[in-house]
Each structure stands twice: as structure tokens, then as C-alpha cells.
Amino acid sequence: QVQLVESGGGLVQAGGSLRLACAASGRTFSNYAMGWFRQAPGKERIIAAVISRSGATTYYSDSVKGRFTISRDNAKNTVYLQMNSLKPEDTAVYYCAADLRSSTTAYHTAVYEYDYWGQGTQVTVSS
């Protein structure tokens, strides 16, 4: 079992920044890749960013590339999502998720490939 707890969401004006954090517990953190997904009202949950087990490989969706940065601290069992230049269309519930099946430098981007999920944190960007 893996428990994931997100924090750092909130209300911010367009152009502002937020940093999300996801604290993991229950299994060896460096044994799984981590992803940040987001879900806007009435829409499906989609990938925003992924980081491999080792942190050597990252992936960003086109909509966040160049504005968001994913990182992990395996000593603190935490993954982060730094979000800069936020736009109203970034408004969503953000979820972190653990992928126990990826190899050391690989990653997955589909919802069904993730094994554990956090409860989500709301990010609202006002125009």
C-alpha cells in the first residue's frame, strides 16, 4: 500500500505561481514513478507531468511544458510540481499518483497505469 497526500493548492491570479507537494508513505518511494494529473470540471483526468523513479526522466504535457516543473526528493518521500505563469485554463483538481510498474528511467502517462492516488488539491486561477 502507498498513501499519498497532496498540499499546496489554492487561489492565484493569472500569471502567478504555486508549488504543489505530494508526500508518500507505505513503500520505498524510490521504487515508483510519480505523476501529477489534473481534472477540470466536467472533463476527464489527464496527465500534466511525470517523473521516473530515479528522477532522471521527466515528461510534460504540451499544455504545461515550459511553465511547470516536476521534481522529487527521495530522501523526503515527496514529489513537487512547481507551476509558473498560471493561466485560468490551469484551474483543476490536481492529483498525484504512484506508478509501481515502471522501470528505473521509464514512465507512464495513462490514468489506468497508476496504482495509487492522492485525494487531490484544488488549484483555481483567476483572470
C-alpha atoms as a PDB file:
ATOM      1  CA  GLN A   1       0.000   0.000   0.000  1.00  0.00           C
ATOM      2  CA  VAL A   2       1.050   3.558  -0.749  1.00  0.00           C
ATOM      3  CA  GLN A   3      -0.543   6.603   0.837  1.00  0.00           C
ATOM      4  CA  LEU A   4      -0.304   9.931  -0.978  1.00  0.00           C
ATOM      5  CA  VAL A   5      -1.212  13.326   0.449  1.00  0.00           C
ATOM      6  CA  GLU A   6      -1.186  16.460  -1.712  1.00  0.00           C
ATOM      7  CA  SER A   7      -0.810  20.014  -0.448  1.00  0.00           C
ATOM      8  CA  GLY A   8      -0.169  23.480  -1.807  1.00  0.00           C
ATOM      9  CA  GLY A   9      -3.272  24.174  -3.851  1.00  0.00           C
ATOM     10  CA  GLY A  10      -5.180  27.431  -3.653  1.00  0.00           C
ATOM     11  CA  LEU A  11      -6.416  30.506  -5.448  1.00  0.00           C
ATOM     12  CA  VAL A  12      -3.966  32.539  -7.502  1.00  0.00           C
ATOM     13  CA  GLN A  13      -4.213  35.244 -10.133  1.00  0.00           C
ATOM     14  CA  ALA A  14      -3.249  34.579 -13.725  1.00  0.00           C
ATOM     15  CA  GLY A  15       0.499  34.856 -14.161  1.00  0.00           C
ATOM     16  CA  GLY A  16       1.141  33.746 -10.606  1.00  0.00           C
ATOM     17  CA  SER A  17       2.832  30.653  -9.217  1.00  0.00           C
ATOM     18  CA  LEU A  18       2.050  27.764  -6.911  1.00  0.00           C
ATOM     19  CA  ARG A  19       4.041  24.782  -5.730  1.00  0.00           C
ATOM     20  CA  LEU A  20       2.242  21.543  -5.062  1.00  0.00           C
ATOM     21  CA  ALA A  21       3.724  18.840  -2.883  1.00  0.00           C
ATOM     22  CA  CYS A  22       2.795  15.183  -2.534  1.00  0.00           C
ATOM     23  CA  ALA A  23       4.048  13.241   0.466  1.00  0.00           C
ATOM     24  CA  ALA A  24       4.206   9.479   0.099  1.00  0.00           C
ATOM     25  CA  SER A  25       4.322   6.738   2.681  1.00  0.00           C
ATOM     26  CA  GLY A  26       3.946   2.997   2.892  1.00  0.00           C
ATOM     27  CA  ARG A  27       6.545   1.678   0.457  1.00  0.00           C
ATOM     28  CA  THR A  28      10.033   2.620  -0.684  1.00  0.00           C
ATOM     29  CA  PHE A  29       9.491   5.905  -2.511  1.00  0.00           C
ATOM     30  CA  SER A  30      12.359   5.451  -4.963  1.00  0.00           C
ATOM     31  CA  ASN A  31      10.722   2.257  -6.250  1.00  0.00           C
ATOM     32  CA  TYR A  32       7.979   4.025  -8.147  1.00  0.00           C
ATOM     33  CA  ALA A  33       7.489   6.721 -10.721  1.00  0.00           C
ATOM     34  CA  MET A  34       5.250   9.634  -9.818  1.00  0.00           C
ATOM     35  CA  GLY A  35       2.780  11.570 -11.873  1.00  0.00           C
ATOM     36  CA  TRP A  36       0.712  14.716 -11.497  1.00  0.00           C
ATOM     37  CA  PHE A  37      -2.676  14.608 -13.166  1.00  0.00           C
ATOM     38  CA  ARG A  38      -5.372  17.229 -13.314  1.00  0.00           C
ATOM     39  CA  GLN A  39      -9.110  17.191 -13.777  1.00  0.00           C
ATOM     40  CA  ALA A  40     -11.147  20.229 -14.698  1.00  0.00           C
ATOM     41  CA  PRO A  41     -14.914  20.314 -14.028  1.00  0.00           C
ATOM     42  CA  GLY A  42     -16.771  18.120 -16.478  1.00  0.00           C
ATOM     43  CA  LYS A  43     -13.595  16.833 -18.099  1.00  0.00           C
ATOM     44  CA  GLU A  44     -11.544  13.679 -17.864  1.00  0.00           C
ATOM     45  CA  ARG A  45      -8.452  13.335 -15.725  1.00  0.00           C
ATOM     46  CA  ILE A  46      -5.315  13.900 -17.781  1.00  0.00           C
ATOM     47  CA  ILE A  47      -1.588  13.827 -17.268  1.00  0.00           C
ATOM     48  CA  ALA A  48       0.289  17.037 -16.510  1.00  0.00           C
ATOM     49  CA  ALA A  49       3.770  15.761 -15.643  1.00  0.00           C
ATOM     50  CA  VAL A  50       5.628  12.586 -14.726  1.00  0.00           C
ATOM     51  CA  ILE A  51       8.980  11.844 -13.140  1.00  0.00           C
ATOM     52  CA  SER A  52      10.731   8.498 -13.209  1.00  0.00           C
ATOM     53  CA  ARG A  53      11.877   6.578 -10.154  1.00  0.00           C
ATOM     54  CA  SER A  54      15.363   7.986 -10.272  1.00  0.00           C
ATOM     55  CA  GLY A  55      14.284  11.456 -11.286  1.00  0.00           C
ATOM     56  CA  ALA A  56      16.405  11.241 -14.410  1.00  0.00           C
ATOM     57  CA  THR A  57      13.461  11.279 -16.794  1.00  0.00           C
ATOM     58  CA  THR A  58      10.543  13.666 -16.903  1.00  0.00           C
ATOM     59  CA  TYR A  59       7.564  14.188 -19.162  1.00  0.00           C
ATOM     60  CA  TYR A  60       5.284  17.194 -19.573  1.00  0.00           C
ATOM     61  CA  SER A  61       2.065  17.567 -21.473  1.00  0.00           C
ATOM     62  CA  ASP A  62       2.150  20.191 -24.182  1.00  0.00           C
ATOM     63  CA  SER A  63      -0.235  22.402 -22.207  1.00  0.00           C
ATOM     64  CA  VAL A  64       2.180  22.784 -19.266  1.00  0.00           C
ATOM     65  CA  LYS A  65       5.577  22.394 -20.929  1.00  0.00           C
ATOM     66  CA  GLY A  66       7.846  25.332 -20.199  1.00  0.00           C
ATOM     67  CA  ARG A  67       5.688  26.529 -17.274  1.00  0.00           C
ATOM     68  CA  PHE A  68       5.570  23.574 -14.871  1.00  0.00           C
ATOM     69  CA  THR A  69       8.466  21.665 -13.343  1.00  0.00           C
ATOM     70  CA  ILE A  70       8.187  18.301 -11.647  1.00  0.00           C
ATOM     71  CA  SER A  71      10.834  17.182  -9.165  1.00  0.00           C
ATOM     72  CA  ARG A  72      11.245  14.637  -6.426  1.00  0.00           C
ATOM     73  CA  ASP A  73      13.201  14.330  -3.201  1.00  0.00           C
ATOM     74  CA  ASN A  74      13.588  10.641  -2.484  1.00  0.00           C
ATOM     75  CA  ALA A  75      15.068  11.364   0.936  1.00  0.00           C
ATOM     76  CA  LYS A  76      11.858  13.198   1.911  1.00  0.00           C
ATOM     77  CA  ASN A  77       9.480  10.853   0.051  1.00  0.00           C
ATOM     78  CA  THR A  78       7.998  13.857  -1.698  1.00  0.00           C
ATOM     79  CA  VAL A  79       7.270  14.900  -5.258  1.00  0.00           C
ATOM     80  CA  TYR A  80       6.709  18.521  -6.225  1.00  0.00           C
ATOM     81  CA  LEU A  81       5.041  20.396  -9.038  1.00  0.00           C
ATOM     82  CA  GLN A  82       6.222  23.969  -9.469  1.00  0.00           C
ATOM     83  CA  MET A  83       3.637  25.843 -11.519  1.00  0.00           C
ATOM     84  CA  ASN A  84       4.580  29.202 -13.001  1.00  0.00           C
ATOM     85  CA  SER A  85       2.810  31.573 -15.380  1.00  0.00           C
ATOM     86  CA  LEU A  86      -0.504  30.089 -14.392  1.00  0.00           C
ATOM     87  CA  LYS A  87      -3.488  30.542 -16.671  1.00  0.00           C
ATOM     88  CA  PRO A  88      -7.229  30.292 -15.963  1.00  0.00           C
ATOM     89  CA  GLU A  89      -7.282  27.080 -18.006  1.00  0.00           C
ATOM     90  CA  ASP A  90      -4.965  25.501 -15.430  1.00  0.00           C
ATOM     91  CA  THR A  91      -7.869  25.530 -12.984  1.00  0.00           C
ATOM     92  CA  ALA A  92      -8.484  21.944 -11.901  1.00  0.00           C
ATOM     93  CA  VAL A  93      -8.157  19.444  -9.118  1.00  0.00           C
ATOM     94  CA  TYR A  94      -4.585  18.200  -9.154  1.00  0.00           C
ATOM     95  CA  TYR A  95      -3.826  14.619  -8.181  1.00  0.00           C
ATOM     96  CA  CYS A  96      -0.531  12.908  -7.559  1.00  0.00           C
ATOM     97  CA  ALA A  97      -0.270   9.231  -8.380  1.00  0.00           C
ATOM     98  CA  ALA A  98       2.225   6.410  -7.950  1.00  0.00           C
ATOM     99  CA  ASP A  99       3.204   4.018 -10.717  1.00  0.00           C
ATOM    100  CA  LEU A 100       4.769   0.860  -9.298  1.00  0.00           C
ATOM    101  CA  ARG A 101       5.346  -0.849 -12.624  1.00  0.00           C
ATOM    102  CA  SER A 102       7.709   1.482 -14.476  1.00  0.00           C
ATOM    103  CA  SER A 103      11.380   0.648 -14.717  1.00  0.00           C
ATOM    104  CA  THR A 104      14.030   2.968 -13.312  1.00  0.00           C
ATOM    105  CA  THR A 105      14.051   5.587 -16.059  1.00  0.00           C
ATOM    106  CA  ALA A 106      10.703   4.900 -17.720  1.00  0.00           C
ATOM    107  CA  TYR A 107       7.286   6.380 -17.059  1.00  0.00           C
ATOM    108  CA  HIS A 108       3.631   6.037 -17.978  1.00  0.00           C
ATOM    109  CA  THR A 109       1.143   8.722 -18.862  1.00  0.00           C
ATOM    110  CA  ALA A 110      -2.240   6.984 -18.759  1.00  0.00           C
ATOM    111  CA  VAL A 111      -4.541   7.047 -15.759  1.00  0.00           C
ATOM    112  CA  TYR A 112      -5.001   3.269 -15.750  1.00  0.00           C
ATOM    113  CA  GLU A 113      -1.254   2.699 -15.443  1.00  0.00           C
ATOM    114  CA  TYR A 114      -1.116   4.255 -11.980  1.00  0.00           C
ATOM    115  CA  ASP A 115      -1.685   2.193  -8.889  1.00  0.00           C
ATOM    116  CA  TYR A 116      -2.263   4.668  -6.067  1.00  0.00           C
ATOM    117  CA  TRP A 117      -3.801   8.143  -5.934  1.00  0.00           C
ATOM    118  CA  GLY A 118      -3.953  11.047  -3.575  1.00  0.00           C
ATOM    119  CA  GLN A 119      -7.169  12.813  -2.634  1.00  0.00           C
ATOM    120  CA  GLY A 120      -6.475  15.820  -4.848  1.00  0.00           C
ATOM    121  CA  THR A 121      -5.882  19.511  -4.242  1.00  0.00           C
ATOM    122  CA  GLN A 122      -7.827  22.334  -5.862  1.00  0.00           C
ATOM    123  CA  VAL A 123      -5.991  24.914  -7.952  1.00  0.00           C
ATOM    124  CA  THR A 124      -8.009  27.913  -9.085  1.00  0.00           C
ATOM    125  CA  VAL A 125      -6.524  30.557 -11.364  1.00  0.00           C
ATOM    126  CA  SER A 126      -8.495  33.781 -11.679  1.00  0.00           C
ATOM    127  CA  SER A 127      -8.284  36.021 -14.721  1.00  0.00           C
END
